[in-house]
Amino acid sequence: MGPEWRKIKGILDELIRNSMKAGAKILEAKIEEKDDHFEIYIKDNGEGMDDKTLEHVKEALSMPRRCEIEEYYGNLVGHSSGDFGLSMIGMMTDDFYINSKKGKGTEIKIIRKKECR
């Protein structure tokens, strides 16, 4: 497994860990490789998030991608605890979509470009 796939695996591990902490019993995960990016998708039936928590998660995922420290964080993501893991995902990705409803679960798609700019 090359360095890029290790980072993607770390992102996926972190998202799965969050789903499990939210009590998910059903989890759908998918990774798609496109021409210039990867799409990492998770959907679960966990407890979902209220609006305040959802905004907090969006802030963590909105961290700008940090190419210069990606090697370091790439080795940590998937092994963290709490909000720091989501912030690390934010620093390793270019865009995201998230939808969550309290009592219904969460759906998230992470976009990671192949070239860091």
C-alpha atoms as a PDB file:
ATOM      1  CA  MET A   1       0.000   0.000   0.000  1.00  0.00           C
ATOM      2  CA  GLY A   2       1.508   3.311  -1.101  1.00  0.00           C
ATOM      3  CA  PRO A   3       1.597   6.524   0.931  1.00  0.00           C
ATOM      4  CA  GLU A   4      -1.538   7.956  -0.715  1.00  0.00           C
ATOM      5  CA  TRP A   5      -3.600   4.871   0.101  1.00  0.00           C
ATOM      6  CA  ARG A   6      -2.317   4.886   3.698  1.00  0.00           C
ATOM      7  CA  LYS A   7      -3.648   8.434   4.093  1.00  0.00           C
ATOM      8  CA  ILE A   8      -6.996   7.467   2.571  1.00  0.00           C
ATOM      9  CA  LYS A   9      -7.183   4.433   4.858  1.00  0.00           C
ATOM     10  CA  GLY A  10      -6.483   6.706   7.846  1.00  0.00           C
ATOM     11  CA  ILE A  11      -9.287   9.061   6.809  1.00  0.00           C
ATOM     12  CA  LEU A  12     -11.663   6.132   6.359  1.00  0.00           C
ATOM     13  CA  ASP A  13     -10.621   4.642   9.727  1.00  0.00           C
ATOM     14  CA  GLU A  14     -11.307   7.968  11.450  1.00  0.00           C
ATOM     15  CA  LEU A  15     -14.754   8.277   9.870  1.00  0.00           C
ATOM     16  CA  ILE A  16     -15.628   4.682  10.773  1.00  0.00           C
ATOM     17  CA  ARG A  17     -14.461   5.279  14.354  1.00  0.00           C
ATOM     18  CA  ASN A  18     -16.815   8.276  14.581  1.00  0.00           C
ATOM     19  CA  SER A  19     -19.706   6.188  13.220  1.00  0.00           C
ATOM     20  CA  MET A  20     -19.065   3.464  15.782  1.00  0.00           C
ATOM     21  CA  LYS A  21     -18.897   6.024  18.627  1.00  0.00           C
ATOM     22  CA  ALA A  22     -22.295   7.303  17.441  1.00  0.00           C
ATOM     23  CA  GLY A  23     -23.767   3.825  17.881  1.00  0.00           C
ATOM     24  CA  ALA A  24     -24.002   2.873  14.207  1.00  0.00           C
ATOM     25  CA  LYS A  25     -25.133  -0.689  13.581  1.00  0.00           C
ATOM     26  CA  ILE A  26     -25.282  -0.324   9.789  1.00  0.00           C
ATOM     27  CA  LEU A  27     -22.409   1.324   7.946  1.00  0.00           C
ATOM     28  CA  GLU A  28     -21.851   1.845   4.239  1.00  0.00           C
ATOM     29  CA  ALA A  29     -18.344   2.824   3.132  1.00  0.00           C
ATOM     30  CA  LYS A  30     -17.003   3.468  -0.355  1.00  0.00           C
ATOM     31  CA  ILE A  31     -13.805   4.830  -1.904  1.00  0.00           C
ATOM     32  CA  GLU A  32     -13.815   5.942  -5.532  1.00  0.00           C
ATOM     33  CA  GLU A  33     -10.733   6.941  -7.468  1.00  0.00           C
ATOM     34  CA  LYS A  34     -11.433   9.588 -10.108  1.00  0.00           C
ATOM     35  CA  ASP A  35      -9.007  11.135 -12.611  1.00  0.00           C
ATOM     36  CA  ASP A  36      -7.761  13.888 -10.294  1.00  0.00           C
ATOM     37  CA  HIS A  37      -9.199  13.031  -6.871  1.00  0.00           C
ATOM     38  CA  PHE A  38     -10.519  10.410  -4.483  1.00  0.00           C
ATOM     39  CA  GLU A  39     -14.013  10.369  -2.980  1.00  0.00           C
ATOM     40  CA  ILE A  40     -14.408   8.771   0.435  1.00  0.00           C
ATOM     41  CA  TYR A  41     -18.017   8.109   1.401  1.00  0.00           C
ATOM     42  CA  ILE A  42     -19.557   6.937   4.682  1.00  0.00           C
ATOM     43  CA  LYS A  43     -23.220   6.554   5.588  1.00  0.00           C
ATOM     44  CA  ASP A  44     -24.375   5.229   8.954  1.00  0.00           C
ATOM     45  CA  ASN A  45     -27.464   4.778  11.069  1.00  0.00           C
ATOM     46  CA  GLY A  46     -25.855   6.149  14.236  1.00  0.00           C
ATOM     47  CA  GLU A  47     -27.451   8.693  16.534  1.00  0.00           C
ATOM     48  CA  GLY A  48     -26.920  11.573  14.101  1.00  0.00           C
ATOM     49  CA  MET A  49     -26.125  15.133  15.139  1.00  0.00           C
ATOM     50  CA  ASP A  50     -28.100  18.137  16.252  1.00  0.00           C
ATOM     51  CA  ASP A  51     -27.512  21.419  14.412  1.00  0.00           C
ATOM     52  CA  LYS A  52     -24.948  22.730  16.932  1.00  0.00           C
ATOM     53  CA  THR A  53     -22.836  19.558  16.771  1.00  0.00           C
ATOM     54  CA  LEU A  54     -23.112  19.459  12.977  1.00  0.00           C
ATOM     55  CA  GLU A  55     -21.784  23.035  12.729  1.00  0.00           C
ATOM     56  CA  HIS A  56     -18.886  22.105  15.041  1.00  0.00           C
ATOM     57  CA  VAL A  57     -18.008  19.137  12.798  1.00  0.00           C
ATOM     58  CA  LYS A  58     -18.213  21.333   9.694  1.00  0.00           C
ATOM     59  CA  GLU A  59     -15.762  23.770  11.297  1.00  0.00           C
ATOM     60  CA  ALA A  60     -13.317  20.939  12.039  1.00  0.00           C
ATOM     61  CA  LEU A  61     -13.565  19.583   8.478  1.00  0.00           C
ATOM     62  CA  SER A  62     -13.180  23.068   7.002  1.00  0.00           C
ATOM     63  CA  MET A  63      -9.541  23.301   8.057  1.00  0.00           C
ATOM     64  CA  PRO A  64      -7.465  24.232   5.003  1.00  0.00           C
ATOM     65  CA  ARG A  65      -5.438  21.438   3.444  1.00  0.00           C
ATOM     66  CA  ARG A  66      -1.872  21.600   4.758  1.00  0.00           C
ATOM     67  CA  CYS A  67       0.440  19.936   2.243  1.00  0.00           C
ATOM     68  CA  GLU A  68       3.589  20.720   4.209  1.00  0.00           C
ATOM     69  CA  ILE A  69       2.497  18.778   7.305  1.00  0.00           C
ATOM     70  CA  GLU A  70       0.452  16.087   5.590  1.00  0.00           C
ATOM     71  CA  GLU A  71       3.071  13.364   6.034  1.00  0.00           C
ATOM     72  CA  TYR A  72       2.997  13.830   9.799  1.00  0.00           C
ATOM     73  CA  TYR A  73      -0.786  14.021  10.117  1.00  0.00           C
ATOM     74  CA  GLY A  74      -1.210  11.282   7.532  1.00  0.00           C
ATOM     75  CA  ASN A  75       0.422   8.890   9.985  1.00  0.00           C
ATOM     76  CA  LEU A  76      -1.786  10.032  12.889  1.00  0.00           C
ATOM     77  CA  VAL A  77      -5.208  10.158  11.271  1.00  0.00           C
ATOM     78  CA  GLY A  78      -7.231   7.086  12.122  1.00  0.00           C
ATOM     79  CA  HIS A  79      -5.473   6.769  15.500  1.00  0.00           C
ATOM     80  CA  SER A  80      -6.730   9.892  17.252  1.00  0.00           C
ATOM     81  CA  SER A  81      -9.500  10.686  19.653  1.00  0.00           C
ATOM     82  CA  GLY A  82     -12.169  13.361  19.659  1.00  0.00           C
ATOM     83  CA  ASP A  83     -12.325  16.436  17.487  1.00  0.00           C
ATOM     84  CA  PHE A  84      -8.614  16.386  16.685  1.00  0.00           C
ATOM     85  CA  GLY A  85      -9.231  13.488  14.286  1.00  0.00           C
ATOM     86  CA  LEU A  86     -11.788  15.482  12.323  1.00  0.00           C
ATOM     87  CA  SER A  87      -9.428  18.456  12.175  1.00  0.00           C
ATOM     88  CA  MET A  88      -6.702  16.175  10.810  1.00  0.00           C
ATOM     89  CA  ILE A  89      -9.122  14.968   8.129  1.00  0.00           C
ATOM     90  CA  GLY A  90      -9.815  18.622   7.296  1.00  0.00           C
ATOM     91  CA  MET A  91      -6.091  19.311   6.914  1.00  0.00           C
ATOM     92  CA  MET A  92      -5.785  16.356   4.508  1.00  0.00           C
ATOM     93  CA  THR A  93      -8.790  16.989   2.256  1.00  0.00           C
ATOM     94  CA  ASP A  94     -10.002  19.546  -0.224  1.00  0.00           C
ATOM     95  CA  ASP A  95     -13.768  19.490   0.158  1.00  0.00           C
ATOM     96  CA  PHE A  96     -16.581  17.665   1.930  1.00  0.00           C
ATOM     97  CA  TYR A  97     -20.323  17.189   2.054  1.00  0.00           C
ATOM     98  CA  ILE A  98     -22.097  16.190   5.266  1.00  0.00           C
ATOM     99  CA  ASN A  99     -25.715  15.557   6.116  1.00  0.00           C
ATOM    100  CA  SER A 100     -26.867  14.443   9.552  1.00  0.00           C
ATOM    101  CA  LYS A 101     -30.170  14.355  11.378  1.00  0.00           C
ATOM    102  CA  LYS A 102     -30.561  13.603  15.067  1.00  0.00           C
ATOM    103  CA  GLY A 103     -31.927  10.078  15.403  1.00  0.00           C
ATOM    104  CA  LYS A 104     -31.388   9.292  11.693  1.00  0.00           C
ATOM    105  CA  GLY A 105     -27.635   8.941  11.164  1.00  0.00           C
ATOM    106  CA  THR A 106     -24.964  10.700   9.154  1.00  0.00           C
ATOM    107  CA  GLU A 107     -23.778  10.743   5.564  1.00  0.00           C
ATOM    108  CA  ILE A 108     -20.423  12.258   4.634  1.00  0.00           C
ATOM    109  CA  LYS A 109     -18.356  12.501   1.466  1.00  0.00           C
ATOM    110  CA  ILE A 110     -14.723  13.630   1.568  1.00  0.00           C
ATOM    111  CA  ILE A 111     -12.913  14.866  -1.543  1.00  0.00           C
ATOM    112  CA  ARG A 112      -9.129  14.507  -1.652  1.00  0.00           C
ATOM    113  CA  LYS A 113      -7.288  15.747  -4.731  1.00  0.00           C
ATOM    114  CA  LYS A 114      -4.377  13.635  -5.881  1.00  0.00           C
ATOM    115  CA  GLU A 115      -2.075  16.648  -6.115  1.00  0.00           C
ATOM    116  CA  CYS A 116      -1.719  18.860  -3.103  1.00  0.00           C
ATOM    117  CA  ARG A 117      -1.598  22.573  -3.949  1.00  0.00           C
END
